[in-house]
C-alpha cells in the first residue's frame, strides 16, 4: 500500500465526516453513517492497517483502533437517536453524535499528521 493511497483515503474519510457533521435530518444521518461505515470497512481500514510507520507505529495503531471503536459507537448512537421519543433525549443524543464525530475528526487528523511526517 502506498502512502499516497492512504492519504487520499484519509482525506475522503475526513470530507465524509465533515458532511455528516452538518446533517440534521435523521434519515439522512442514518444513511450517511452507513455510507461512512461502508467506506471505512471497505477502503480505509484495509489500507491503514497494512501501513507500517516505524517511528510512529504505536501512535498509528492507537489512532486506527480508536477510529474503529468510535465508528462502531457512532452507528449505535445513530440507531438510538432514531428510537428517541422525547425531544430532550433526541437533543442529548445529537450532542453525543456531534461529540463522537469531533473525536473521529481528531483521530483522523492525527493519522494525517503521522502519515505526512513519514511520506517520502
Protein backbone atom coordinates (compact mmCIF):
# COMPACT_ATOMS: atom_id res chain seq x y z
CA UNK A 1 0.00 0.00 0.00
CA UNK A 2 1.28 3.40 -0.84
CA UNK A 3 1.31 6.42 1.39
CA UNK A 4 -0.46 8.38 -1.34
CA UNK A 5 -3.39 5.97 -1.40
CA UNK A 6 -3.67 6.10 2.38
CA UNK A 7 -3.55 9.91 2.35
CA UNK A 8 -6.27 10.06 -0.30
CA UNK A 9 -8.48 7.64 1.64
CA UNK A 10 -7.99 9.61 4.86
CA UNK A 11 -8.83 12.84 3.04
CA UNK A 12 -12.00 11.34 1.60
CA UNK A 13 -12.95 9.98 5.02
CA UNK A 14 -12.38 13.40 6.62
CA UNK A 15 -14.64 15.00 3.98
CA UNK A 16 -17.38 12.48 4.69
CA UNK A 17 -17.09 13.16 8.43
CA UNK A 18 -17.43 16.90 7.83
CA UNK A 19 -20.52 16.35 5.67
CA UNK A 20 -22.09 14.09 8.28
CA UNK A 21 -21.50 16.69 10.96
CA UNK A 22 -23.71 19.14 9.01
CA UNK A 23 -26.67 16.75 8.65
CA UNK A 24 -29.77 17.36 10.74
CA UNK A 25 -32.37 15.02 9.19
CA UNK A 26 -32.36 11.67 10.97
CA UNK A 27 -32.89 9.56 7.87
CA UNK A 28 -30.08 11.35 6.05
CA UNK A 29 -27.86 10.95 9.12
CA UNK A 30 -28.55 7.22 9.24
CA UNK A 31 -27.86 6.82 5.52
CA UNK A 32 -24.64 8.84 5.60
CA UNK A 33 -23.47 6.98 8.71
CA UNK A 34 -23.95 3.68 6.87
CA UNK A 35 -22.07 5.05 3.86
CA UNK A 36 -19.25 6.27 6.11
CA UNK A 37 -19.09 2.88 7.83
CA UNK A 38 -19.05 1.13 4.48
CA UNK A 39 -16.21 3.32 3.18
CA UNK A 40 -14.32 2.78 6.41
CA UNK A 41 -14.72 -1.00 6.25
CA UNK A 42 -14.06 -1.45 2.52
CA UNK A 43 -11.49 1.24 1.78
CA UNK A 44 -9.86 2.92 4.74
CA UNK A 45 -9.42 0.12 7.28
CA UNK A 46 -7.63 -2.29 4.89
CA UNK A 47 -5.23 0.47 3.83
CA UNK A 48 -4.36 1.89 7.23
CA UNK A 49 -3.92 -1.47 8.92
CA UNK A 50 -1.35 -2.55 6.34
CA UNK A 51 0.85 0.53 6.57
CA UNK A 52 3.87 0.34 8.79
CA UNK A 53 5.29 3.53 10.22
CA UNK A 54 8.49 2.54 12.02
CA UNK A 55 8.89 5.57 14.30
CA UNK A 56 5.19 6.16 14.98
CA UNK A 57 3.83 2.61 14.91
CA UNK A 58 2.25 2.72 18.38
CA UNK A 59 0.58 6.09 17.73
CA UNK A 60 -0.66 4.86 14.36
CA UNK A 61 -2.04 1.67 15.88
CA UNK A 62 -3.76 3.60 18.68
CA UNK A 63 -5.38 6.04 16.25
CA UNK A 64 -6.64 3.28 13.94
CA UNK A 65 -8.02 1.32 16.87
CA UNK A 66 -9.81 4.37 18.26
CA UNK A 67 -11.31 5.23 14.88
CA UNK A 68 -12.57 1.67 14.55
CA UNK A 69 -14.10 1.78 18.05
CA UNK A 70 -15.69 5.19 17.58
CA UNK A 71 -17.18 4.16 14.23
CA UNK A 72 -18.99 1.29 15.92
CA UNK A 73 -20.19 3.59 18.72
CA UNK A 74 -21.38 6.17 16.19
CA UNK A 75 -23.55 3.56 14.48
CA UNK A 76 -25.10 2.61 17.83
CA UNK A 77 -25.77 6.24 18.74
CA UNK A 78 -27.43 6.92 15.39
CA UNK A 79 -29.72 3.92 15.91
CA UNK A 80 -30.53 5.18 19.44
CA UNK A 81 -31.45 8.65 18.20
CA UNK A 82 -33.92 7.14 15.79
CA UNK A 83 -35.62 5.46 18.76
CA UNK A 84 -35.71 8.61 20.93
CA UNK A 85 -39.26 9.70 21.66
CA UNK A 86 -38.66 12.83 23.70
CA UNK A 87 -37.07 15.99 22.34
CA UNK A 88 -34.71 16.23 25.32
CA UNK A 89 -33.42 12.71 24.66
CA UNK A 90 -33.08 13.47 20.97
CA UNK A 91 -31.05 16.60 21.67
CA UNK A 92 -28.86 14.69 24.11
CA UNK A 93 -28.20 12.00 21.50
CA UNK A 94 -27.43 14.63 18.86
CA UNK A 95 -24.87 16.12 21.22
CA UNK A 96 -23.29 12.71 21.70
CA UNK A 97 -23.17 12.15 17.94
CA UNK A 98 -21.60 15.56 17.38
CA UNK A 99 -19.00 14.82 20.07
CA UNK A 100 -18.27 11.41 18.51
CA UNK A 101 -17.81 12.98 15.07
CA UNK A 102 -15.43 15.53 16.58
CA UNK A 103 -13.41 12.72 18.13
CA UNK A 104 -13.30 10.89 14.80
CA UNK A 105 -12.10 14.06 13.09
CA UNK A 106 -9.38 14.43 15.73
CA UNK A 107 -8.12 10.87 15.29
CA UNK A 108 -8.23 11.28 11.52
CA UNK A 109 -6.11 14.42 11.80
CA UNK A 110 -3.60 12.54 13.97
CA UNK A 111 -3.31 9.90 11.26
CA UNK A 112 -2.90 12.50 8.53
CA UNK A 113 -0.14 14.18 10.56
CA UNK A 114 1.65 10.88 11.22
CA UNK A 115 1.43 9.95 7.59
CA UNK A 116 2.75 13.30 6.38
CA UNK A 117 5.70 13.02 8.80
CA UNK A 118 6.95 9.83 7.11
CA UNK A 119 5.96 10.34 3.48
CA UNK A 120 8.94 10.28 1.14
